[in-house]
């Protein structure tokens, strides 16, 4: 097969064509030259025969009749034309050879020896000629000249010349020319090989480099060795290689970017064709719907995704939107998802599939619900005191103002409600500053025990009012932390206040402070009513109350724990709450020991 492939190479085709062209040209030239040479020599013989006939014709024209003059005419031929190479035949009108320089043919009938056609043409008064070349015979040129007197043909001069030398010379010329053709073709093959090689070697080089490029190696470069079309081809190949390398590099970079985006994007992406087969699913989609690669390769889209929601079935999507574009909300296992889908098409505009982006909007829904609840809570928290203030104010304006005792009682309620609104607004503003990082801190290295003791002293009166016992367990005299003392005292007061509020009368609240290798903790533990387990994750939400009616009755705004959490985050610490309903609550306030400005 390799040999066949080589013989089909353009190099051998080029050599063959070059060989064939030269061969045809040489053959045509040789045939033409040999024909012209043969024609030249035959014309020379003809001219010689005509000239010879003209020189002897006058001798025979003086005879009115050849009868009785045969010997005289033969004698003249022998005397005057001795040594002439051409054969001379004098023929009378009875076709008898009466004289000839070939004595063997005298007195014989000319029609038996000479060409009949020429004889016939001669006796009708026409000069004619004929080349006779019969196998086994000497080639001759024959010419017949009529001898005319008084418009009567009285005889004929028949000349015959030997053409052997001419044709021998022509045969030798053919051999010489054949040798020239062979030599020329040999030189042609060598030159053709060299010329073809000068063309095919660069082409083979380009082909080899192109094959390597097809395998992914774009470092190939063709050497430009000439300024002709081959050199131009090499230049364009190098230019194409550079452009292709650059383009593929850009495509590879874009593909890498796209793959990275798809791989690390938080939203799930699923591409499905019109036949219902999944073309691609990114890691987020696989994790979101627990899809394996084996399922993608062996199961249709509807079977994999349809079990999560019937809204996601391709038939449902197509029925909902004829152009395969839209969005769907669905829920699965206490999570909320938003699926947006759109078609992707070929260059001719044919729809070949659809791309679906799936977002887990559970947290967003929670935040939106919290925002709505926050607005509702703020509105409610403000509405209640405003309603009270408005009611008592209207009552005072209607006449109760003049009853001093009632007026004082009503104004006391108005003042209390105004203070409540003031606390609410103050807490909202502080929470806003904390969340937006606009709170000004006055941090310094402080003794946490002193701050804790000060907060306990401030809450003693509240605890005694409910006959509760604040049990200080800490023994350390000093725990150094880097804090804003006022803010941390606010956190401790908030936790202690909640412990006092939600602990029964005569209850006990243990307060301790410990230090480990990396952190300090304030532990406040009560034996109060506790918190239901389902409410624990939401304790730090704004306005969230476990027992809303009781919390409002106790004067809370529902923002204390949110503020405490934010303050501790700004100090690099945390607030941890552990509780069981009916068994009390434990709150850990955690501080880092390293300095954190």
Protein backbone atom coordinates (compact mmCIF):
# COMPACT_ATOMS: atom_id res chain seq x y z
CA UNK A 1 0.00 0.00 0.00
CA UNK A 2 2.89 2.32 0.79
CA UNK A 3 4.34 1.73 -2.70
CA UNK A 4 0.99 2.48 -4.31
CA UNK A 5 0.70 5.61 -2.19
CA UNK A 6 4.15 6.74 -3.29
CA UNK A 7 3.36 6.17 -6.97
CA UNK A 8 0.22 8.24 -6.51
CA UNK A 9 2.31 11.08 -5.18
CA UNK A 10 2.14 14.38 -7.03
CA UNK A 11 5.91 14.10 -7.51
CA UNK A 12 5.55 11.06 -9.78
CA UNK A 13 2.51 12.53 -11.47
CA UNK A 14 4.51 15.66 -12.19
CA UNK A 15 7.46 13.60 -13.53
CA UNK A 16 5.12 11.48 -15.68
CA UNK A 17 3.38 14.53 -17.12
CA UNK A 18 6.69 16.27 -17.74
CA UNK A 19 8.05 13.07 -19.35
CA UNK A 20 4.91 12.68 -21.48
CA UNK A 21 4.99 16.29 -22.67
CA UNK A 22 8.65 16.08 -23.67
CA UNK A 23 8.11 12.68 -25.32
CA UNK A 24 5.13 13.92 -27.34
CA UNK A 25 6.99 17.07 -28.33
CA UNK A 26 10.07 15.10 -29.39
CA UNK A 27 8.01 12.55 -31.37
CA UNK A 28 6.06 15.28 -33.15
CA UNK A 29 9.25 17.19 -33.91
CA UNK A 30 11.00 13.99 -35.09
CA UNK A 31 8.17 12.91 -37.35
CA UNK A 32 7.93 16.38 -38.81
CA UNK A 33 11.67 16.64 -39.39
CA UNK A 34 11.91 13.16 -40.95
CA UNK A 35 8.92 13.85 -43.19
CA UNK A 36 10.43 17.13 -44.28
CA UNK A 37 13.80 15.48 -44.83
CA UNK A 38 12.23 12.69 -46.89
CA UNK A 39 10.20 15.21 -48.88
CA UNK A 40 13.32 17.30 -49.49
CA UNK A 41 15.37 14.39 -50.81
CA UNK A 42 12.52 13.07 -52.97
CA UNK A 43 11.97 16.54 -54.42
CA UNK A 44 15.68 16.80 -55.14
CA UNK A 45 15.60 13.51 -57.03
CA UNK A 46 12.47 14.65 -58.88
CA UNK A 47 14.09 17.92 -59.86
CA UNK A 48 17.17 16.07 -61.01
CA UNK A 49 15.04 13.72 -63.13
CA UNK A 50 13.15 16.63 -64.68
CA UNK A 51 16.40 18.48 -65.43
CA UNK A 52 17.86 15.31 -66.90
CA UNK A 53 14.79 14.77 -69.08
CA UNK A 54 14.94 18.36 -70.31
CA UNK A 55 18.58 17.89 -71.31
CA UNK A 56 17.91 14.78 -73.42
CA UNK A 57 14.41 15.45 -74.74
CA UNK A 58 15.66 17.45 -77.74
CA UNK A 59 17.66 14.44 -78.96
CA UNK A 60 14.53 12.33 -79.34
CA UNK A 61 12.21 15.01 -80.64
CA UNK A 62 14.04 15.11 -84.05
CA UNK A 63 12.72 11.65 -84.86
CA UNK A 64 9.28 11.57 -86.50
CA UNK A 65 9.00 7.90 -85.78
CA UNK A 66 11.18 5.58 -83.76
CA UNK A 67 10.69 2.67 -86.16
CA UNK A 68 13.99 1.80 -87.86
CA UNK A 69 16.02 4.07 -85.54
CA UNK A 70 16.23 1.74 -82.57
CA UNK A 71 19.92 1.01 -82.94
CA UNK A 72 20.80 4.64 -83.52
CA UNK A 73 18.88 5.75 -80.44
CA UNK A 74 20.48 2.96 -78.35
CA UNK A 75 23.90 3.98 -79.65
CA UNK A 76 23.30 7.63 -78.63
CA UNK A 77 22.31 6.54 -75.15
CA UNK A 78 25.37 4.38 -74.72
CA UNK A 79 27.61 7.12 -76.07
CA UNK A 80 26.24 10.21 -74.41
CA UNK A 81 24.55 8.89 -71.25
CA UNK A 82 27.12 6.37 -70.17
CA UNK A 83 27.64 6.42 -66.40
CA UNK A 84 24.29 8.07 -65.64
CA UNK A 85 22.88 6.70 -62.38
CA UNK A 86 19.24 6.95 -63.42
CA UNK A 87 17.69 4.22 -65.54
CA UNK A 88 16.52 5.51 -68.96
CA UNK A 89 13.84 3.83 -71.00
CA UNK A 90 12.81 5.01 -74.48
CA UNK A 91 9.44 3.47 -75.27
CA UNK A 92 7.63 3.61 -78.62
CA UNK A 93 3.91 3.85 -79.01
CA UNK A 94 3.68 0.06 -79.05
CA UNK A 95 4.96 -0.13 -75.45
CA UNK A 96 8.29 -1.60 -76.64
CA UNK A 97 11.51 -0.57 -74.93
CA UNK A 98 13.61 0.46 -77.94
CA UNK A 99 16.51 1.95 -76.00
CA UNK A 100 17.81 1.85 -72.41
CA UNK A 101 21.02 2.15 -70.44
CA UNK A 102 19.96 -1.20 -68.91
CA UNK A 103 20.67 -3.53 -71.83
CA UNK A 104 18.98 -6.43 -70.08
CA UNK A 105 15.63 -4.81 -70.59
CA UNK A 106 15.91 -3.91 -74.31
CA UNK A 107 13.14 -4.94 -76.74
CA UNK A 108 10.90 -6.01 -73.88
CA UNK A 109 7.33 -4.92 -73.35
CA UNK A 110 7.36 -1.95 -71.02
CA UNK A 111 4.07 -2.89 -69.38
CA UNK A 112 5.68 -6.06 -68.07
CA UNK A 113 8.51 -4.22 -66.38
CA UNK A 114 7.47 -0.64 -65.70
CA UNK A 115 4.48 0.90 -63.94
CA UNK A 116 1.38 0.63 -66.10
CA UNK A 117 -0.29 3.71 -64.63
CA UNK A 118 2.67 5.88 -65.55
CA UNK A 119 2.78 4.38 -69.01
CA UNK A 120 -0.89 5.07 -69.55
CA UNK A 121 -0.58 8.65 -68.33
CA UNK A 122 2.46 9.20 -70.57
CA UNK A 123 0.72 7.98 -73.75
CA UNK A 124 -2.17 10.33 -73.15
CA UNK A 125 0.31 13.20 -73.08
CA UNK A 126 0.69 13.75 -69.34
CA UNK A 127 3.85 13.85 -67.32
CA UNK A 128 3.48 11.67 -64.24
CA UNK A 129 5.57 10.30 -61.42
CA UNK A 130 5.35 7.59 -58.79
CA UNK A 131 7.46 6.32 -55.94
CA UNK A 132 7.46 2.56 -55.87
CA UNK A 133 8.50 0.85 -52.64
CA UNK A 134 7.61 -2.79 -52.58
CA UNK A 135 8.84 -5.22 -50.00
CA UNK A 136 11.85 -7.13 -51.32
CA UNK A 137 12.45 -4.57 -54.09
CA UNK A 138 14.66 -1.54 -54.46
CA UNK A 139 12.73 1.67 -53.77
CA UNK A 140 12.62 3.86 -56.87
CA UNK A 141 11.22 7.12 -58.13
CA UNK A 142 9.58 6.66 -61.52
CA UNK A 143 8.76 9.48 -63.92
CA UNK A 144 7.20 9.27 -67.39
CA UNK A 145 7.64 12.09 -69.94
CA UNK A 146 5.67 11.90 -73.27
CA UNK A 147 7.56 12.66 -76.50
CA UNK A 148 5.17 14.78 -78.55
CA UNK A 149 5.54 15.91 -82.15
CA UNK A 150 2.84 17.56 -84.25
CA UNK A 151 0.54 17.14 -81.29
CA UNK A 152 0.98 13.42 -81.46
CA UNK A 153 2.57 11.22 -78.77
CA UNK A 154 5.14 9.22 -80.68
CA UNK A 155 6.87 7.76 -77.64
CA UNK A 156 7.88 8.18 -74.05
CA UNK A 157 10.96 8.80 -71.92
CA UNK A 158 10.68 6.76 -68.73
CA UNK A 159 13.20 7.59 -66.00
CA UNK A 160 13.76 5.52 -62.86
CA UNK A 161 16.02 6.62 -59.98
CA UNK A 162 17.26 4.42 -57.13
CA UNK A 163 16.10 5.77 -53.71
CA UNK A 164 18.02 3.24 -51.61
CA UNK A 165 20.62 5.76 -50.37
CA UNK A 166 17.94 8.23 -49.43
CA UNK A 167 15.97 5.76 -47.36
CA UNK A 168 19.10 4.37 -45.79
CA UNK A 169 20.01 7.92 -44.78
CA UNK A 170 16.50 8.42 -43.45
CA UNK A 171 16.69 5.18 -41.46
CA UNK A 172 19.99 6.33 -39.98
CA UNK A 173 18.41 9.66 -39.16
CA UNK A 174 15.59 7.84 -37.38
CA UNK A 175 18.09 5.93 -35.25
CA UNK A 176 19.94 9.14 -34.41
CA UNK A 177 16.71 10.85 -33.52
CA UNK A 178 15.58 7.87 -31.41
CA UNK A 179 18.82 8.04 -29.46
CA UNK A 180 18.27 11.78 -29.00
CA UNK A 181 14.75 11.12 -27.70
CA UNK A 182 16.01 8.51 -25.21
CA UNK A 183 18.75 10.85 -24.00
CA UNK A 184 16.34 13.78 -23.80
CA UNK A 185 13.81 11.72 -21.85
CA UNK A 186 16.50 10.54 -19.44
CA UNK A 187 17.54 14.13 -18.84
CA UNK A 188 13.84 15.04 -18.57
CA UNK A 189 13.27 12.44 -15.85
CA UNK A 190 16.24 13.72 -13.83
CA UNK A 191 15.24 17.38 -14.23
CA UNK A 192 11.58 16.49 -13.62
CA UNK A 193 12.53 14.70 -10.41
CA UNK A 194 14.55 17.68 -9.21
CA UNK A 195 11.85 20.19 -10.16
CA UNK A 196 9.09 18.01 -8.70
CA UNK A 197 11.14 17.57 -5.53
CA UNK A 198 11.55 21.33 -5.20
CA UNK A 199 7.72 21.55 -5.25
CA UNK A 200 6.73 18.43 -3.33
CA UNK A 201 9.24 18.73 -0.47
CA UNK A 202 7.71 22.05 0.76
CA UNK A 203 4.22 20.62 0.22
CA UNK A 204 5.14 17.48 2.21
CA UNK A 205 6.60 19.72 4.89
CA UNK A 206 3.34 21.70 5.06
CA UNK A 207 1.34 18.44 5.10
CA UNK A 208 3.45 17.01 7.94
CA UNK A 209 3.15 20.20 9.97
CA UNK A 210 -0.60 20.31 9.31
CA UNK A 211 -0.89 16.70 10.52
CA UNK A 212 0.97 17.61 13.72
CA UNK A 213 -1.33 20.59 14.14
CA UNK A 214 -4.33 18.29 13.76
CA UNK A 215 -2.91 16.30 16.71
CA UNK A 216 -2.82 19.47 18.82
CA UNK A 217 0.79 20.65 18.36
CA UNK A 218 0.57 24.28 17.23
CA UNK A 219 4.29 25.00 17.57
CA UNK A 220 4.83 23.96 13.93
CA UNK A 221 6.40 26.44 11.53
CA UNK A 222 7.31 25.95 7.87
CA UNK A 223 10.63 27.30 6.57
CA UNK A 224 10.09 29.80 3.74
CA UNK A 225 12.80 29.11 1.13
CA UNK A 226 11.50 30.98 -1.93
CA UNK A 227 9.45 33.96 -3.06
CA UNK A 228 7.25 32.00 -5.47
CA UNK A 229 3.81 30.45 -4.95
CA UNK A 230 5.28 27.68 -2.76
CA UNK A 231 6.96 30.26 -0.56
CA UNK A 232 3.72 32.23 -0.41
CA UNK A 233 1.92 29.03 0.61
CA UNK A 234 4.45 28.49 3.42
CA UNK A 235 4.01 32.09 4.59
CA UNK A 236 0.23 31.74 4.61
CA UNK A 237 0.52 28.43 6.49
CA UNK A 238 2.62 30.09 9.18
CA UNK A 239 0.17 32.99 9.33
CA UNK A 240 -2.77 30.58 9.53
CA UNK A 241 -1.01 28.58 12.25
CA UNK A 242 -0.48 31.72 14.30
CA UNK A 243 -4.06 32.89 13.87
CA UNK A 244 -5.42 29.40 14.57
CA UNK A 245 -3.21 29.03 17.64
CA UNK A 246 -4.37 32.43 18.90
CA UNK A 247 -8.03 31.67 18.15
CA UNK A 248 -7.91 28.24 19.76
CA UNK A 249 -6.13 29.74 22.76
CA UNK A 250 -8.92 32.31 23.11
CA UNK A 251 -11.55 29.58 22.69
CA UNK A 252 -9.75 27.44 25.26
CA UNK A 253 -9.57 30.37 27.67
CA UNK A 254 -13.23 31.14 27.17
CA UNK A 255 -14.10 27.46 27.57
CA UNK A 256 -12.01 27.30 30.74
CA UNK A 257 -13.71 30.42 32.07
CA UNK A 258 -17.13 29.02 31.22
CA UNK A 259 -16.32 25.66 32.78
CA UNK A 260 -15.02 27.39 35.90
CA UNK A 261 -18.11 29.58 36.09
CA UNK A 262 -20.42 26.59 35.63
CA UNK A 263 -18.43 24.53 38.11
CA UNK A 264 -18.36 27.07 40.91
CA UNK A 265 -21.61 28.95 40.36
CA UNK A 266 -23.98 28.56 43.28
CA UNK A 267 -27.01 28.09 41.04
CA UNK A 268 -27.73 24.78 39.36
CA UNK A 269 -27.57 24.61 35.55
CA UNK A 270 -29.11 21.87 33.42
CA UNK A 271 -29.02 21.77 29.60
CA UNK A 272 -31.45 19.39 27.88
CA UNK A 273 -31.99 18.70 24.17
CA UNK A 274 -35.33 18.39 22.39
CA UNK A 275 -35.23 14.60 22.78
CA UNK A 276 -35.27 14.92 26.57
CA UNK A 277 -31.66 13.90 27.18
CA UNK A 278 -29.53 15.88 29.63
CA UNK A 279 -26.56 17.40 27.80
CA UNK A 280 -24.89 19.00 30.81
CA UNK A 281 -25.45 19.44 34.52
CA UNK A 282 -23.06 21.50 36.64
CA UNK A 283 -21.90 20.37 40.12
CA UNK A 284 -24.43 22.65 41.86
CA UNK A 285 -27.32 21.02 39.97
CA UNK A 286 -25.99 17.53 40.69
CA UNK A 287 -25.71 18.34 44.38
CA UNK A 288 -29.06 20.11 44.46
CA UNK A 289 -30.97 17.18 42.92
CA UNK A 290 -28.62 14.35 43.97
CA UNK A 291 -27.88 13.47 40.33
CA UNK A 292 -25.07 11.07 39.42
CA UNK A 293 -23.11 11.04 36.17
CA UNK A 294 -24.49 7.57 35.45
CA UNK A 295 -28.06 8.88 35.66
CA UNK A 296 -27.24 11.75 33.30
CA UNK A 297 -25.85 9.31 30.72
CA UNK A 298 -28.60 6.68 31.02
CA UNK A 299 -31.83 8.34 32.12
CA UNK A 300 -34.02 10.98 30.43
CA UNK A 301 -34.53 14.41 31.91
CA UNK A 302 -38.17 13.83 32.89
CA UNK A 303 -37.30 10.71 34.87
CA UNK A 304 -34.52 12.47 36.80
CA UNK A 305 -35.99 15.94 37.37
CA UNK A 306 -39.72 15.26 37.08
CA UNK A 307 -39.86 13.58 40.50
CA UNK A 308 -39.01 16.90 42.18
CA UNK A 309 -41.94 18.74 40.61
CA UNK A 310 -44.37 18.01 37.80
CA UNK A 311 -43.97 21.66 36.78
CA UNK A 312 -40.45 20.81 35.55
CA UNK A 313 -41.57 18.18 33.03
CA UNK A 314 -40.69 19.15 29.45
CA UNK A 315 -44.29 18.71 28.35
CA UNK A 316 -45.44 21.10 31.11
CA UNK A 317 -42.76 23.64 30.18
CA UNK A 318 -43.75 23.49 26.52
CA UNK A 319 -47.44 23.81 27.33
CA UNK A 320 -46.75 26.79 29.56
CA UNK A 321 -44.58 28.61 27.02
CA UNK A 322 -44.46 27.80 23.29
CA UNK A 323 -41.05 29.46 22.95
CA UNK A 324 -39.59 27.48 25.91
CA UNK A 325 -38.93 30.61 27.95
CA UNK A 326 -40.17 31.42 31.45
CA UNK A 327 -39.75 30.63 35.15
CA UNK A 328 -41.22 28.22 37.70
CA UNK A 329 -41.37 28.27 41.51
CA UNK A 330 -41.53 24.90 43.26
CA UNK A 331 -40.91 23.44 46.69
CA UNK A 332 -39.15 20.22 47.66
CA UNK A 333 -38.28 18.93 51.16
CA UNK A 334 -38.93 22.25 52.94
CA UNK A 335 -36.84 24.15 50.39
CA UNK A 336 -38.03 26.66 47.82
CA UNK A 337 -36.55 26.74 44.31
CA UNK A 338 -36.83 29.10 41.35
CA UNK A 339 -36.21 27.62 37.89
CA UNK A 340 -35.65 29.94 34.92
CA UNK A 341 -35.45 28.36 31.47
CA UNK A 342 -34.69 29.60 27.96
CA UNK A 343 -34.05 27.92 24.58
CA UNK A 344 -30.72 27.60 22.79
CA UNK A 345 -30.65 27.41 19.02
CA UNK A 346 -28.45 26.54 16.06
CA UNK A 347 -27.11 29.20 13.69
CA UNK A 348 -30.07 28.64 11.37
CA UNK A 349 -32.46 29.39 14.23
CA UNK A 350 -33.67 25.82 14.85
CA UNK A 351 -34.51 25.09 18.47
CA UNK A 352 -32.22 22.27 19.67
CA UNK A 353 -32.68 22.38 23.42
CA UNK A 354 -33.23 24.36 26.57
CA UNK A 355 -31.05 25.68 29.40
CA UNK A 356 -32.47 25.79 32.92
CA UNK A 357 -31.03 27.77 35.85
CA UNK A 358 -32.25 26.55 39.25
CA UNK A 359 -31.79 28.72 42.34
CA UNK A 360 -32.33 27.67 45.93
CA UNK A 361 -34.26 30.70 47.17
CA UNK A 362 -35.13 29.25 50.57
CA UNK A 363 -32.91 31.72 52.44
CA UNK A 364 -34.06 34.58 50.26
CA UNK A 365 -37.66 33.67 51.02
CA UNK A 366 -36.82 33.57 54.71
CA UNK A 367 -35.18 36.98 54.49
CA UNK A 368 -38.14 38.40 52.61
CA UNK A 369 -40.48 36.90 55.18
CA UNK A 370 -38.31 38.34 57.96
CA UNK A 371 -38.36 41.74 56.26
CA UNK A 372 -42.14 41.63 55.96
CA UNK A 373 -42.39 40.46 59.56
CA UNK A 374 -39.98 43.19 60.63
CA UNK A 375 -42.07 45.89 58.97
CA UNK A 376 -45.19 44.41 60.51
CA UNK A 377 -43.52 44.24 63.95
CA UNK A 378 -42.19 47.80 63.78
CA UNK A 379 -45.59 48.99 62.67
CA UNK A 380 -47.24 47.06 65.50
CA UNK A 381 -44.68 48.17 68.10
CA UNK A 382 -45.23 51.80 67.13
CA UNK A 383 -48.96 51.51 66.63
CA UNK A 384 -49.66 50.19 70.15
CA UNK A 385 -48.03 53.07 72.10
CA UNK A 386 -49.27 55.64 69.60
CA UNK A 387 -52.80 54.32 69.99
CA UNK A 388 -52.48 54.53 73.78
CA UNK A 389 -51.03 58.05 73.66
CA UNK A 390 -53.75 59.20 71.25
CA UNK A 391 -56.53 57.65 73.38
CA UNK A 392 -55.32 59.16 76.66
CA UNK A 393 -54.63 62.53 75.00
CA UNK A 394 -58.15 62.66 73.53
CA UNK A 395 -59.58 61.74 76.91
CA UNK A 396 -57.60 64.56 78.57
CA UNK A 397 -58.73 67.05 75.93
CA UNK A 398 -62.34 66.03 76.44
CA UNK A 399 -62.21 67.15 80.11
CA UNK A 400 -60.19 64.70 82.10
CA UNK A 401 -57.39 67.29 82.13
CA UNK A 402 -59.20 69.15 84.92
CA UNK A 403 -59.28 66.09 87.17
CA UNK A 404 -55.75 66.28 88.54
CA UNK A 405 -55.54 62.68 89.72
CA UNK A 406 -56.86 61.26 86.45
CA UNK A 407 -54.71 63.70 84.47
CA UNK A 408 -51.57 62.65 86.33
CA UNK A 409 -52.41 58.97 85.81
CA UNK A 410 -53.07 59.50 82.07
CA UNK A 411 -49.96 61.62 81.57
CA UNK A 412 -47.93 58.96 83.36
CA UNK A 413 -49.20 56.39 80.86
CA UNK A 414 -48.44 58.77 77.96
CA UNK A 415 -44.90 59.28 79.31
CA UNK A 416 -44.41 55.50 79.68
CA UNK A 417 -45.58 54.85 76.11
CA UNK A 418 -43.37 57.67 74.82
CA UNK A 419 -40.39 56.16 76.66
CA UNK A 420 -41.26 52.81 75.12
CA UNK A 421 -41.25 54.34 71.62
CA UNK A 422 -38.03 56.17 72.44
CA UNK A 423 -36.37 52.89 73.48
CA UNK A 424 -37.65 51.21 70.35
CA UNK A 425 -36.32 53.96 68.07
CA UNK A 426 -33.02 54.04 69.98
CA UNK A 427 -32.61 50.28 69.65
CA UNK A 428 -33.47 50.40 65.92
CA UNK A 429 -30.95 53.14 65.31
CA UNK A 430 -28.25 51.29 67.24
CA UNK A 431 -28.98 48.05 65.37
CA UNK A 432 -28.84 49.91 62.06
CA UNK A 433 -25.46 51.45 62.98
CA UNK A 434 -24.13 48.06 64.00
CA UNK A 435 -25.28 46.32 60.82
CA UNK A 436 -23.91 49.11 58.61
CA UNK A 437 -20.56 49.27 60.48
CA UNK A 438 -21.14 52.88 61.53
CA UNK A 439 -21.03 52.39 65.30
CA UNK A 440 -18.19 54.24 67.00
CA UNK A 441 -16.20 52.08 69.39
CA UNK A 442 -14.07 53.08 72.33
CA UNK A 443 -12.13 49.89 72.75
CA UNK A 444 -9.43 49.48 75.36
CA UNK A 445 -7.91 46.72 77.43
CA UNK A 446 -10.29 46.20 80.36
CA UNK A 447 -10.91 43.81 83.25
CA UNK A 448 -13.96 41.72 82.28
CA UNK A 449 -14.63 40.84 85.95
CA UNK A 450 -15.09 44.50 86.87
CA UNK A 451 -17.52 45.05 83.99
CA UNK A 452 -19.46 41.93 85.01
CA UNK A 453 -19.61 42.99 88.69
CA UNK A 454 -20.88 46.42 87.72
CA UNK A 455 -23.68 44.92 85.58
CA UNK A 456 -24.70 42.52 88.39
CA UNK A 457 -24.91 45.37 90.90
CA UNK A 458 -27.19 47.33 88.51
CA UNK A 459 -29.54 44.36 88.16
CA UNK A 460 -29.71 43.51 91.89
CA UNK A 461 -32.74 45.74 92.47
CA UNK A 462 -34.70 44.07 89.63
CA UNK A 463 -33.82 40.63 90.97
CA UNK A 464 -34.83 41.51 94.53
CA UNK A 465 -38.15 42.78 93.22
CA UNK A 466 -38.90 39.20 92.13
CA UNK A 467 -37.16 37.72 95.18
CA UNK A 468 -34.59 36.13 92.87
CA UNK A 469 -31.05 35.19 93.87
CA UNK A 470 -28.13 36.31 91.71
CA UNK A 471 -25.43 33.75 92.45
CA UNK A 472 -21.94 34.99 91.43
CA UNK A 473 -19.69 31.95 91.01
CA UNK A 474 -16.61 33.59 89.46
CA UNK A 475 -13.45 33.64 91.55
CA UNK A 476 -11.05 35.29 89.13
CA UNK A 477 -10.19 38.80 90.11
CA UNK A 478 -8.96 39.74 86.63
CA UNK A 479 -9.59 38.63 83.02
CA UNK A 480 -8.04 41.06 80.53
CA UNK A 481 -9.93 41.59 77.26
CA UNK A 482 -9.91 44.30 74.59
CA UNK A 483 -13.45 45.73 74.59
CA UNK A 484 -15.74 48.75 74.52
CA UNK A 485 -16.81 48.64 78.17
CA UNK A 486 -20.18 50.37 77.72
CA UNK A 487 -21.24 48.11 74.83
CA UNK A 488 -20.21 44.91 76.65
CA UNK A 489 -22.01 46.09 79.78
CA UNK A 490 -25.11 46.62 77.61
CA UNK A 491 -24.83 42.99 76.38
CA UNK A 492 -24.50 41.63 79.94
CA UNK A 493 -27.38 43.77 81.18
CA UNK A 494 -29.57 42.57 78.31
CA UNK A 495 -28.86 38.90 79.07
CA UNK A 496 -29.36 39.40 82.84
CA UNK A 497 -32.57 41.35 82.19
CA UNK A 498 -33.96 38.50 80.07
CA UNK A 499 -32.94 35.95 82.71
CA UNK A 500 -34.75 37.93 85.43
CA UNK A 501 -37.85 38.47 83.22
CA UNK A 502 -38.28 34.85 82.25
CA UNK A 503 -37.43 33.28 85.61
CA UNK A 504 -40.17 32.70 88.18
CA UNK A 505 -40.22 34.57 91.48
CA UNK A 506 -37.74 33.16 94.03
CA UNK A 507 -35.80 31.71 91.11
CA UNK A 508 -32.03 31.44 90.90
CA UNK A 509 -29.62 32.88 88.36
CA UNK A 510 -26.00 31.65 88.36
CA UNK A 511 -23.35 33.99 86.97
CA UNK A 512 -19.84 32.79 86.25
CA UNK A 513 -16.74 33.89 84.29
CA UNK A 514 -14.02 31.52 83.14
CA UNK A 515 -10.83 31.79 81.15
CA UNK A 516 -9.29 29.21 78.82
CA UNK A 517 -6.15 29.28 76.67
CA UNK A 518 -7.83 31.14 73.80
CA UNK A 519 -11.02 32.74 75.12
CA UNK A 520 -13.00 34.08 78.06
CA UNK A 521 -16.64 33.22 78.78
CA UNK A 522 -19.39 34.79 80.86
CA UNK A 523 -21.95 32.11 81.71
CA UNK A 524 -25.44 33.17 82.86
CA UNK A 525 -27.70 30.26 83.79
CA UNK A 526 -31.26 30.47 85.10
CA UNK A 527 -33.90 27.97 86.13
CA UNK A 528 -36.69 29.83 84.40
CA UNK A 529 -39.34 28.84 81.87
CA UNK A 530 -36.85 27.90 79.14
CA UNK A 531 -37.23 28.19 75.37
CA UNK A 532 -38.85 25.66 72.97
CA UNK A 533 -36.31 23.94 70.76
CA UNK A 534 -37.97 25.11 67.53
CA UNK A 535 -37.56 28.77 68.58
CA UNK A 536 -33.83 28.62 69.34
CA UNK A 537 -32.62 29.25 65.72
CA UNK A 538 -34.68 32.47 65.49
CA UNK A 539 -33.84 34.06 68.86
CA UNK A 540 -31.46 36.61 67.34
CA UNK A 541 -33.93 37.81 64.68
CA UNK A 542 -35.22 41.33 65.12
CA UNK A 543 -38.54 41.56 66.99
CA UNK A 544 -38.71 37.80 67.43
CA UNK A 545 -40.37 36.80 70.68
CA UNK A 546 -41.07 33.32 71.98
CA UNK A 547 -44.12 34.49 73.91
CA UNK A 548 -45.12 37.70 72.17
CA UNK A 549 -47.93 38.74 74.53
CA UNK A 550 -45.87 38.19 77.67
CA UNK A 551 -42.77 39.85 76.16
CA UNK A 552 -44.65 43.02 75.36
CA UNK A 553 -46.23 42.99 78.81
CA UNK A 554 -42.73 42.86 80.31
CA UNK A 555 -41.68 45.86 78.22
CA UNK A 556 -39.25 44.26 75.78
CA UNK A 557 -38.72 45.56 72.25
CA UNK A 558 -37.56 42.23 70.78
CA UNK A 559 -34.25 43.81 69.64
CA UNK A 560 -32.04 43.18 72.66
CA UNK A 561 -30.59 39.85 71.56
CA UNK A 562 -30.06 41.10 67.97
CA UNK A 563 -28.08 44.06 69.32
CA UNK A 564 -26.11 41.84 71.70
CA UNK A 565 -25.21 39.48 68.86
CA UNK A 566 -24.01 42.33 66.64
CA UNK A 567 -21.93 43.89 69.43
CA UNK A 568 -20.20 40.58 70.14
CA UNK A 569 -19.51 40.03 66.42
CA UNK A 570 -17.78 43.43 66.31
CA UNK A 571 -15.60 42.25 69.24
CA UNK A 572 -14.75 38.96 67.51
CA UNK A 573 -16.88 37.05 69.99
CA UNK A 574 -20.30 35.43 70.09
CA UNK A 575 -23.46 34.85 72.09
CA UNK A 576 -24.54 31.21 72.53
CA UNK A 577 -27.93 30.17 73.96
CA UNK A 578 -28.75 26.66 75.17
CA UNK A 579 -32.19 25.95 76.56
CA UNK A 580 -34.92 23.40 77.12
CA UNK A 581 -38.51 24.33 77.67
CA UNK A 582 -39.35 24.23 81.42
CA UNK A 583 -35.73 23.56 82.42
CA UNK A 584 -34.12 26.95 82.21
CA UNK A 585 -31.67 28.70 79.88
CA UNK A 586 -27.89 29.00 79.72
CA UNK A 587 -26.27 31.91 77.86
CA UNK A 588 -22.53 31.98 77.02
CA UNK A 589 -20.96 35.32 76.14
CA UNK A 590 -17.65 34.48 74.43
CA UNK A 591 -14.63 36.85 74.18
CA UNK A 592 -11.35 36.29 72.34
CA UNK A 593 -8.26 36.86 74.48
CA UNK A 594 -6.19 38.20 71.61
CA UNK A 595 -6.33 41.91 70.94
CA UNK A 596 -8.83 42.67 68.18
CA UNK A 597 -9.21 46.30 67.22
